[in-house]
Amino acid sequence: MRFCVLGSGSKGNATFVESGQTRLLIDAGFSGKEIEHRLAEIGVGAETLSGLLITHEHGDHIKGAAILSRRYHLPVFINEPTLAAAGPVLHNLPQCQPFVTGQTFVFQDFQIHPYAISHDAADPVGFLLNNGRLLMGYCTDTGVVSKLMQHRLSNCHGLVLECNHDPELLRNGPYPPALQQRVRGKTGHLANGEAAGFLREILHDNLEHVVLSHISETNNRPHLAQEAVAAVLETLRAQRGSCPVPAISLARQDRVGEVVTLGSRASR
């Protein structure tokens, strides 16, 4: 299995995931043209996509979904509350495939589990993708980490994890108080320390790679997100000795991230 965060942040989100003959996008929050361009940067033609998975209805997650679906005859997997909340942006999808949050479904080479997250949207979800040997988790746009989320993501080999804001930068930044409260609230976004703490709880020997995503351009800095997670990993390394730790990379808003290939530890 391999995956790549094509871009992540308040201006657009899209992540490519591939296994076998199946190529998926989780969210399509850029224009269709921009997503085609970013896919081409990693050697993937948009015409080879198999389908789209939608986490929630905010524009930075659905902007290009309808045009890609129509242009390439792609099924769009989405729960009904999200579809209704998206309004005209996702009206008349040629191949709409509704799912129910909490119920696993199968599509080609993947078993896909949409699990509930905490965000100010109609019925937001994260995804756990299983190809029969490897698990890839997608966890962004949530204000809190629940026991359910910990349970679902505790065995991942790869993980895309939100590391949205630094509390001090948010508090002293340009956002008005109401917007600050939205970001740091239970239906907002994870702070660096919260994401690092979550990673500490679910860390296991077979977690190979974590991509820190949805890093705010206004209320965070890439090095702060990375340092928060690195501190947790260093503490665990000191406690556990030679315990393997995952590689850490950063997703960016303005450019394509690293292409991550999973399976090195699972094959041992």
C-alpha atoms as a PDB file:
ATOM      1  CA  MET A   1       0.000   0.000   0.000  1.00  0.00           C
ATOM      2  CA  ARG A   2       1.182   3.509  -0.684  1.00  0.00           C
ATOM      3  CA  PHE A   3      -0.252   6.937   0.017  1.00  0.00           C
ATOM      4  CA  CYS A   4       0.544  10.606  -0.459  1.00  0.00           C
ATOM      5  CA  VAL A   5      -1.005  13.752   0.993  1.00  0.00           C
ATOM      6  CA  LEU A   6      -1.396  15.909  -2.116  1.00  0.00           C
ATOM      7  CA  GLY A   7      -2.079  18.980   0.010  1.00  0.00           C
ATOM      8  CA  SER A   8      -3.513  19.752   3.426  1.00  0.00           C
ATOM      9  CA  GLY A   9      -4.778  22.874   5.149  1.00  0.00           C
ATOM     10  CA  SER A  10      -7.632  25.355   5.204  1.00  0.00           C
ATOM     11  CA  LYS A  11      -7.295  26.047   1.453  1.00  0.00           C
ATOM     12  CA  GLY A  12      -7.649  22.454   0.311  1.00  0.00           C
ATOM     13  CA  ASN A  13      -7.208  18.793   1.268  1.00  0.00           C
ATOM     14  CA  ALA A  14      -6.682  15.649  -0.789  1.00  0.00           C
ATOM     15  CA  THR A  15      -4.869  12.378  -0.097  1.00  0.00           C
ATOM     16  CA  PHE A  16      -4.056   9.629  -2.592  1.00  0.00           C
ATOM     17  CA  VAL A  17      -4.146   5.977  -1.448  1.00  0.00           C
ATOM     18  CA  GLU A  18      -3.292   2.955  -3.599  1.00  0.00           C
ATOM     19  CA  SER A  19      -3.277  -0.803  -3.214  1.00  0.00           C
ATOM     20  CA  GLY A  20      -3.367  -3.414  -5.943  1.00  0.00           C
ATOM     21  CA  GLN A  21      -5.388  -2.036  -8.819  1.00  0.00           C
ATOM     22  CA  THR A  22      -7.347   0.415  -6.648  1.00  0.00           C
ATOM     23  CA  ARG A  23      -6.547   4.112  -6.507  1.00  0.00           C
ATOM     24  CA  LEU A  24      -8.566   6.351  -4.184  1.00  0.00           C
ATOM     25  CA  LEU A  25      -8.696   9.974  -3.163  1.00  0.00           C
ATOM     26  CA  ILE A  26      -9.674  10.847   0.370  1.00  0.00           C
ATOM     27  CA  ASP A  27     -11.312  14.257  -0.113  1.00  0.00           C
ATOM     28  CA  ALA A  28     -10.951  16.497  -3.128  1.00  0.00           C
ATOM     29  CA  GLY A  29     -10.696  19.997  -1.712  1.00  0.00           C
ATOM     30  CA  PHE A  30      -8.814  21.627  -4.589  1.00  0.00           C
ATOM     31  CA  SER A  31     -10.067  22.397  -8.073  1.00  0.00           C
ATOM     32  CA  GLY A  32     -10.217  19.462 -10.445  1.00  0.00           C
ATOM     33  CA  LYS A  33      -7.353  20.939 -12.455  1.00  0.00           C
ATOM     34  CA  GLU A  34      -5.166  21.380  -9.380  1.00  0.00           C
ATOM     35  CA  ILE A  35      -5.790  17.819  -8.223  1.00  0.00           C
ATOM     36  CA  GLU A  36      -4.907  16.516 -11.689  1.00  0.00           C
ATOM     37  CA  HIS A  37      -1.684  18.532 -11.568  1.00  0.00           C
ATOM     38  CA  ARG A  38      -0.738  17.259  -8.099  1.00  0.00           C
ATOM     39  CA  LEU A  39      -1.465  13.660  -9.047  1.00  0.00           C
ATOM     40  CA  ALA A  40       0.719  14.060 -12.113  1.00  0.00           C
ATOM     41  CA  GLU A  41       3.587  15.160  -9.862  1.00  0.00           C
ATOM     42  CA  ILE A  42       3.616  11.663  -8.328  1.00  0.00           C
ATOM     43  CA  GLY A  43       3.143   9.927 -11.657  1.00  0.00           C
ATOM     44  CA  VAL A  44      -0.571   9.203 -11.324  1.00  0.00           C
ATOM     45  CA  GLY A  45      -3.072  10.040 -14.039  1.00  0.00           C
ATOM     46  CA  ALA A  46      -6.422  11.196 -12.726  1.00  0.00           C
ATOM     47  CA  GLU A  47      -8.075   8.929 -15.295  1.00  0.00           C
ATOM     48  CA  THR A  48      -6.677   5.925 -13.363  1.00  0.00           C
ATOM     49  CA  LEU A  49      -8.514   6.793 -10.144  1.00  0.00           C
ATOM     50  CA  SER A  50     -11.053   4.273  -8.881  1.00  0.00           C
ATOM     51  CA  GLY A  51     -13.146   6.445  -6.540  1.00  0.00           C
ATOM     52  CA  LEU A  52     -13.410   9.273  -4.009  1.00  0.00           C
ATOM     53  CA  LEU A  53     -13.977   9.137  -0.242  1.00  0.00           C
ATOM     54  CA  ILE A  54     -15.449  12.225   1.450  1.00  0.00           C
ATOM     55  CA  THR A  55     -14.901  13.001   5.137  1.00  0.00           C
ATOM     56  CA  HIS A  56     -17.251  15.993   5.494  1.00  0.00           C
ATOM     57  CA  GLU A  57     -18.885  18.811   3.562  1.00  0.00           C
ATOM     58  CA  HIS A  58     -16.562  21.783   4.138  1.00  0.00           C
ATOM     59  CA  GLY A  59     -15.347  23.375   0.913  1.00  0.00           C
ATOM     60  CA  ASP A  60     -11.685  22.618   1.533  1.00  0.00           C
ATOM     61  CA  HIS A  61     -12.603  18.920   1.357  1.00  0.00           C
ATOM     62  CA  ILE A  62     -15.147  18.744  -1.495  1.00  0.00           C
ATOM     63  CA  LYS A  63     -14.366  21.555  -3.958  1.00  0.00           C
ATOM     64  CA  GLY A  64     -13.198  19.330  -6.811  1.00  0.00           C
ATOM     65  CA  ALA A  65     -15.161  16.159  -6.053  1.00  0.00           C
ATOM     66  CA  ALA A  66     -18.071  16.652  -8.434  1.00  0.00           C
ATOM     67  CA  ILE A  67     -15.970  17.669 -11.444  1.00  0.00           C
ATOM     68  CA  LEU A  68     -13.613  14.727 -10.960  1.00  0.00           C
ATOM     69  CA  SER A  69     -16.527  12.350 -10.547  1.00  0.00           C
ATOM     70  CA  ARG A  70     -18.169  13.562 -13.759  1.00  0.00           C
ATOM     71  CA  ARG A  71     -14.962  13.813 -15.780  1.00  0.00           C
ATOM     72  CA  TYR A  72     -13.650  10.354 -14.893  1.00  0.00           C
ATOM     73  CA  HIS A  73     -16.894   8.519 -14.008  1.00  0.00           C
ATOM     74  CA  LEU A  74     -15.810   8.011 -10.410  1.00  0.00           C
ATOM     75  CA  PRO A  75     -18.025   6.763  -7.582  1.00  0.00           C
ATOM     76  CA  VAL A  76     -18.166   9.141  -4.623  1.00  0.00           C
ATOM     77  CA  PHE A  77     -18.455   7.443  -1.229  1.00  0.00           C
ATOM     78  CA  ILE A  78     -20.182   9.767   1.227  1.00  0.00           C
ATOM     79  CA  ASN A  79     -22.687   9.506   4.063  1.00  0.00           C
ATOM     80  CA  GLU A  80     -26.132  10.957   3.506  1.00  0.00           C
ATOM     81  CA  PRO A  81     -25.980  13.783   6.099  1.00  0.00           C
ATOM     82  CA  THR A  82     -22.746  15.043   4.499  1.00  0.00           C
ATOM     83  CA  LEU A  83     -24.245  14.847   1.020  1.00  0.00           C
ATOM     84  CA  ALA A  84     -27.288  16.836   2.139  1.00  0.00           C
ATOM     85  CA  ALA A  85     -25.155  19.441   3.917  1.00  0.00           C
ATOM     86  CA  ALA A  86     -22.915  19.901   0.866  1.00  0.00           C
ATOM     87  CA  GLY A  87     -25.853  21.381  -1.048  1.00  0.00           C
ATOM     88  CA  PRO A  88     -25.378  22.301  -4.709  1.00  0.00           C
ATOM     89  CA  VAL A  89     -21.619  21.608  -4.642  1.00  0.00           C
ATOM     90  CA  LEU A  90     -22.320  17.872  -4.751  1.00  0.00           C
ATOM     91  CA  HIS A  91     -25.711  17.806  -6.436  1.00  0.00           C
ATOM     92  CA  ASN A  92     -26.238  15.377  -9.304  1.00  0.00           C
ATOM     93  CA  LEU A  93     -23.216  13.207  -8.703  1.00  0.00           C
ATOM     94  CA  PRO A  94     -23.186  10.590 -11.470  1.00  0.00           C
ATOM     95  CA  GLN A  95     -22.195   7.775  -9.102  1.00  0.00           C
ATOM     96  CA  CYS A  96     -23.060   8.502  -5.487  1.00  0.00           C
ATOM     97  CA  GLN A  97     -22.342   5.604  -3.126  1.00  0.00           C
ATOM     98  CA  PRO A  98     -23.788   6.308   0.338  1.00  0.00           C
ATOM     99  CA  PHE A  99     -22.199   4.694   3.375  1.00  0.00           C
ATOM    100  CA  VAL A 100     -23.246   4.613   7.015  1.00  0.00           C
ATOM    101  CA  THR A 101     -20.814   5.946   9.602  1.00  0.00           C
ATOM    102  CA  GLY A 102     -19.484   3.076  11.679  1.00  0.00           C
ATOM    103  CA  GLN A 103     -20.245   0.391   9.077  1.00  0.00           C
ATOM    104  CA  THR A 104     -17.394  -1.148   7.090  1.00  0.00           C
ATOM    105  CA  PHE A 105     -17.832  -1.448   3.333  1.00  0.00           C
ATOM    106  CA  VAL A 106     -15.766  -3.096   0.621  1.00  0.00           C
ATOM    107  CA  PHE A 107     -14.605  -1.443  -2.579  1.00  0.00           C
ATOM    108  CA  GLN A 108     -12.281  -3.337  -4.879  1.00  0.00           C
ATOM    109  CA  ASP A 109      -8.993  -4.010  -3.024  1.00  0.00           C
ATOM    110  CA  PHE A 110     -10.010  -2.202   0.179  1.00  0.00           C
ATOM    111  CA  GLN A 111     -12.146  -2.747   3.221  1.00  0.00           C
ATOM    112  CA  ILE A 112     -13.028   0.786   4.320  1.00  0.00           C
ATOM    113  CA  HIS A 113     -14.254   1.728   7.767  1.00  0.00           C
ATOM    114  CA  PRO A 114     -15.664   5.260   8.254  1.00  0.00           C
ATOM    115  CA  TYR A 115     -15.532   6.175  11.940  1.00  0.00           C
ATOM    116  CA  ALA A 116     -17.065   9.170  13.705  1.00  0.00           C
ATOM    117  CA  ILE A 117     -14.919  12.210  14.565  1.00  0.00           C
ATOM    118  CA  SER A 118     -15.739  15.453  16.382  1.00  0.00           C
ATOM    119  CA  HIS A 119     -15.982  18.425  14.014  1.00  0.00           C
ATOM    120  CA  ASP A 120     -18.507  21.160  13.256  1.00  0.00           C
ATOM    121  CA  ALA A 121     -20.020  19.348  10.299  1.00  0.00           C
ATOM    122  CA  ALA A 122     -23.126  17.237   9.662  1.00  0.00           C
ATOM    123  CA  ASP A 123     -21.649  13.750  10.110  1.00  0.00           C
ATOM    124  CA  PRO A 124     -17.849  13.977   9.830  1.00  0.00           C
ATOM    125  CA  VAL A 125     -15.724  10.844   9.577  1.00  0.00           C
ATOM    126  CA  GLY A 126     -12.191   9.597   9.435  1.00  0.00           C
ATOM    127  CA  PHE A 127     -11.259   6.482   7.496  1.00  0.00           C
ATOM    128  CA  LEU A 128      -9.448   3.232   8.157  1.00  0.00           C
ATOM    129  CA  LEU A 129      -8.374   1.479   4.956  1.00  0.00           C
ATOM    130  CA  ASN A 130      -7.490  -2.213   5.040  1.00  0.00           C
ATOM    131  CA  ASN A 131      -6.052  -4.106   2.063  1.00  0.00           C
ATOM    132  CA  GLY A 132      -6.005  -7.433   3.894  1.00  0.00           C
ATOM    133  CA  ARG A 133      -2.451  -7.024   5.164  1.00  0.00           C
ATOM    134  CA  LEU A 134      -1.898  -3.350   5.953  1.00  0.00           C
ATOM    135  CA  LEU A 135      -3.931  -0.623   7.645  1.00  0.00           C
ATOM    136  CA  MET A 136      -3.816   3.068   6.786  1.00  0.00           C
ATOM    137  CA  GLY A 137      -5.633   5.568   9.012  1.00  0.00           C
ATOM    138  CA  TYR A 138      -6.858   9.048   8.162  1.00  0.00           C
ATOM    139  CA  CYS A 139      -7.589  11.327  11.123  1.00  0.00           C
ATOM    140  CA  THR A 140      -8.021  15.059  10.532  1.00  0.00           C
ATOM    141  CA  ASP A 141     -10.558  17.781  11.363  1.00  0.00           C
ATOM    142  CA  THR A 142     -11.422  16.680  14.868  1.00  0.00           C
ATOM    143  CA  GLY A 143     -11.473  18.719  18.055  1.00  0.00           C
ATOM    144  CA  VAL A 144     -11.014  15.806  20.433  1.00  0.00           C
ATOM    145  CA  VAL A 145      -9.628  12.285  20.374  1.00  0.00           C
ATOM    146  CA  SER A 146     -12.197   9.736  21.496  1.00  0.00           C
ATOM    147  CA  LYS A 147     -11.771   6.199  22.785  1.00  0.00           C
ATOM    148  CA  LEU A 148     -13.402   5.064  19.552  1.00  0.00           C
ATOM    149  CA  MET A 149     -10.759   6.827  17.490  1.00  0.00           C
ATOM    150  CA  GLN A 150      -7.989   5.326  19.618  1.00  0.00           C
ATOM    151  CA  HIS A 151      -9.493   1.880  19.146  1.00  0.00           C
ATOM    152  CA  ARG A 152      -9.873   2.206  15.400  1.00  0.00           C
ATOM    153  CA  LEU A 153      -6.389   3.586  14.780  1.00  0.00           C
ATOM    154  CA  SER A 154      -4.428   1.536  17.295  1.00  0.00           C
ATOM    155  CA  ASN A 155      -3.092  -0.964  14.742  1.00  0.00           C
ATOM    156  CA  CYS A 156      -2.293   1.281  11.776  1.00  0.00           C
ATOM    157  CA  HIS A 157       0.848   0.834   9.707  1.00  0.00           C
ATOM    158  CA  GLY A 158       0.467   4.334   8.268  1.00  0.00           C
ATOM    159  CA  LEU A 159      -1.389   7.344   9.634  1.00  0.00           C
ATOM    160  CA  VAL A 160      -2.347  10.818   8.449  1.00  0.00           C
ATOM    161  CA  LEU A 161      -2.832  12.782  11.673  1.00  0.00           C
ATOM    162  CA  GLU A 162      -3.999  16.350  12.176  1.00  0.00           C
ATOM    163  CA  CYS A 163      -1.526  18.653  13.938  1.00  0.00           C
ATOM    164  CA  ASN A 164      -3.420  21.884  13.390  1.00  0.00           C
ATOM    165  CA  HIS A 165      -2.357  24.634  15.764  1.00  0.00           C
ATOM    166  CA  ASP A 166      -0.043  25.852  18.471  1.00  0.00           C
ATOM    167  CA  PRO A 167      -2.193  27.198  21.354  1.00  0.00           C
ATOM    168  CA  GLU A 168       0.039  30.208  21.985  1.00  0.00           C
ATOM    169  CA  LEU A 169       0.127  31.238  18.330  1.00  0.00           C
ATOM    170  CA  LEU A 170      -3.641  30.838  18.151  1.00  0.00           C
ATOM    171  CA  ARG A 171      -4.186  32.895  21.303  1.00  0.00           C
ATOM    172  CA  ASN A 172      -1.897  35.724  20.150  1.00  0.00           C
ATOM    173  CA  GLY A 173      -2.772  35.582  16.475  1.00  0.00           C
ATOM    174  CA  PRO A 174      -5.199  37.496  14.250  1.00  0.00           C
ATOM    175  CA  TYR A 175      -8.250  35.261  14.699  1.00  0.00           C
ATOM    176  CA  PRO A 176     -11.143  36.937  16.580  1.00  0.00           C
ATOM    177  CA  PRO A 177     -12.163  35.295  19.867  1.00  0.00           C
ATOM    178  CA  ALA A 178     -15.131  33.449  18.375  1.00  0.00           C
ATOM    179  CA  LEU A 179     -12.997  31.855  15.679  1.00  0.00           C
ATOM    180  CA  GLN A 180     -10.297  30.983  18.201  1.00  0.00           C
ATOM    181  CA  GLN A 181     -12.927  29.230  20.291  1.00  0.00           C
ATOM    182  CA  ARG A 182     -14.121  27.304  17.241  1.00  0.00           C
ATOM    183  CA  VAL A 183     -10.609  26.098  16.427  1.00  0.00           C
ATOM    184  CA  ARG A 184      -9.731  24.976  19.945  1.00  0.00           C
ATOM    185  CA  GLY A 185     -13.199  23.677  20.825  1.00  0.00           C
ATOM    186  CA  LYS A 186     -14.385  20.072  20.916  1.00  0.00           C
ATOM    187  CA  THR A 187     -15.631  20.292  17.339  1.00  0.00           C
ATOM    188  CA  GLY A 188     -12.612  22.168  16.011  1.00  0.00           C
ATOM    189  CA  HIS A 189      -9.054  20.985  15.412  1.00  0.00           C
ATOM    190  CA  LEU A 190      -6.281  19.214  17.317  1.00  0.00           C
ATOM    191  CA  ALA A 191      -3.435  21.230  18.812  1.00  0.00           C
ATOM    192  CA  ASN A 192       0.120  19.980  18.400  1.00  0.00           C
ATOM    193  CA  GLY A 193       0.289  18.620  21.937  1.00  0.00           C
ATOM    194  CA  GLU A 194      -3.043  16.844  21.614  1.00  0.00           C
ATOM    195  CA  ALA A 195      -1.941  15.135  18.416  1.00  0.00           C
ATOM    196  CA  ALA A 196       1.363  14.138  20.010  1.00  0.00           C
ATOM    197  CA  GLY A 197      -0.458  12.749  23.047  1.00  0.00           C
ATOM    198  CA  PHE A 198      -2.775  10.737  20.813  1.00  0.00           C
ATOM    199  CA  LEU A 199       0.203   9.315  18.956  1.00  0.00           C
ATOM    200  CA  ARG A 200       1.779   8.295  22.256  1.00  0.00           C
ATOM    201  CA  GLU A 201      -1.370   6.356  23.170  1.00  0.00           C
ATOM    202  CA  ILE A 202      -1.592   4.393  19.896  1.00  0.00           C
ATOM    203  CA  LEU A 203       2.103   3.893  19.135  1.00  0.00           C
ATOM    204  CA  HIS A 204       3.116   0.294  18.421  1.00  0.00           C
ATOM    205  CA  ASP A 205       6.032  -1.493  16.801  1.00  0.00           C
ATOM    206  CA  ASN A 206       4.423  -1.819  13.360  1.00  0.00           C
ATOM    207  CA  LEU A 207       3.462   1.832  12.913  1.00  0.00           C
ATOM    208  CA  GLU A 208       5.807   2.751  10.069  1.00  0.00           C
ATOM    209  CA  HIS A 209       4.983   6.304   9.035  1.00  0.00           C
ATOM    210  CA  VAL A 210       2.949   9.240  10.342  1.00  0.00           C
ATOM    211  CA  VAL A 211       2.165  12.292   8.223  1.00  0.00           C
ATOM    212  CA  LEU A 212       1.349  15.413  10.240  1.00  0.00           C
ATOM    213  CA  SER A 213      -1.379  17.243   8.362  1.00  0.00           C
ATOM    214  CA  HIS A 214      -3.754  20.217   8.336  1.00  0.00           C
ATOM    215  CA  ILE A 215      -1.001  22.402   9.815  1.00  0.00           C
ATOM    216  CA  SER A 216      -2.415  25.925  10.086  1.00  0.00           C
ATOM    217  CA  GLU A 217      -0.508  28.525   8.107  1.00  0.00           C
ATOM    218  CA  THR A 218      -1.688  31.213  10.554  1.00  0.00           C
ATOM    219  CA  ASN A 219      -1.698  29.473  13.940  1.00  0.00           C
ATOM    220  CA  ASN A 220       1.134  26.978  13.624  1.00  0.00           C
ATOM    221  CA  ARG A 221       4.612  26.431  12.257  1.00  0.00           C
ATOM    222  CA  PRO A 222       5.796  23.146  10.710  1.00  0.00           C
ATOM    223  CA  HIS A 223       8.757  22.902  13.083  1.00  0.00           C
ATOM    224  CA  LEU A 224       6.490  23.297  16.124  1.00  0.00           C
ATOM    225  CA  ALA A 225       4.280  20.417  15.012  1.00  0.00           C
ATOM    226  CA  GLN A 226       7.306  18.254  14.311  1.00  0.00           C
ATOM    227  CA  GLU A 227       8.987  19.142  17.608  1.00  0.00           C
ATOM    228  CA  ALA A 228       5.883  18.264  19.626  1.00  0.00           C
ATOM    229  CA  VAL A 229       5.721  14.806  18.090  1.00  0.00           C
ATOM    230  CA  ALA A 230       9.502  14.316  18.215  1.00  0.00           C
ATOM    231  CA  ALA A 231       9.508  15.027  21.946  1.00  0.00           C
ATOM    232  CA  VAL A 232       6.988  12.250  22.531  1.00  0.00           C
ATOM    233  CA  LEU A 233       8.954   9.810  20.403  1.00  0.00           C
ATOM    234  CA  GLU A 234      12.198  10.664  22.186  1.00  0.00           C
ATOM    235  CA  THR A 235      10.583  10.035  25.558  1.00  0.00           C
ATOM    236  CA  LEU A 236       9.238   6.688  24.404  1.00  0.00           C
ATOM    237  CA  ARG A 237      12.590   5.748  22.903  1.00  0.00           C
ATOM    238  CA  ALA A 238      14.263   6.481  26.228  1.00  0.00           C
ATOM    239  CA  GLN A 239      11.678   4.421  28.092  1.00  0.00           C
ATOM    240  CA  ARG A 240      11.580   1.463  25.711  1.00  0.00           C
ATOM    241  CA  GLY A 241      15.169   1.310  24.513  1.00  0.00           C
ATOM    242  CA  SER A 242      15.343  -0.025  20.955  1.00  0.00           C
ATOM    243  CA  CYS A 243      11.601   0.099  20.333  1.00  0.00           C
ATOM    244  CA  PRO A 244      11.067   1.132  16.684  1.00  0.00           C
ATOM    245  CA  VAL A 245       9.411   4.483  16.104  1.00  0.00           C
ATOM    246  CA  PRO A 246       7.644   5.665  12.962  1.00  0.00           C
ATOM    247  CA  ALA A 247       9.083   7.974  10.367  1.00  0.00           C
ATOM    248  CA  ILE A 248       7.493  11.435  10.573  1.00  0.00           C
ATOM    249  CA  SER A 249       6.823  13.699   7.606  1.00  0.00           C
ATOM    250  CA  LEU A 250       4.846  16.899   7.133  1.00  0.00           C
ATOM    251  CA  ALA A 251       1.972  17.624   4.787  1.00  0.00           C
ATOM    252  CA  ARG A 252       1.955  21.096   3.241  1.00  0.00           C
ATOM    253  CA  GLN A 253      -0.734  23.298   1.793  1.00  0.00           C
ATOM    254  CA  ASP A 254       1.188  24.515  -1.218  1.00  0.00           C
ATOM    255  CA  ARG A 255       2.923  21.361  -2.428  1.00  0.00           C
ATOM    256  CA  VAL A 256       2.677  17.607  -2.695  1.00  0.00           C
ATOM    257  CA  GLY A 257       4.008  15.595   0.205  1.00  0.00           C
ATOM    258  CA  GLU A 258       6.119  12.466   0.398  1.00  0.00           C
ATOM    259  CA  VAL A 259       4.908   9.282  -1.290  1.00  0.00           C
ATOM    260  CA  VAL A 260       4.840   6.731   1.532  1.00  0.00           C
ATOM    261  CA  THR A 261       5.075   3.004   0.837  1.00  0.00           C
ATOM    262  CA  LEU A 262       3.942   0.727   3.663  1.00  0.00           C
ATOM    263  CA  GLY A 263       4.809  -2.884   4.346  1.00  0.00           C
ATOM    264  CA  SER A 264       8.444  -3.047   5.393  1.00  0.00           C
ATOM    265  CA  ARG A 265       7.737  -4.064   8.990  1.00  0.00           C
ATOM    266  CA  ALA A 266       4.620  -6.072   8.237  1.00  0.00           C
ATOM    267  CA  SER A 267       6.621  -8.322   5.922  1.00  0.00           C
ATOM    268  CA  ARG A 268       9.200  -9.257   8.558  1.00  0.00           C
END
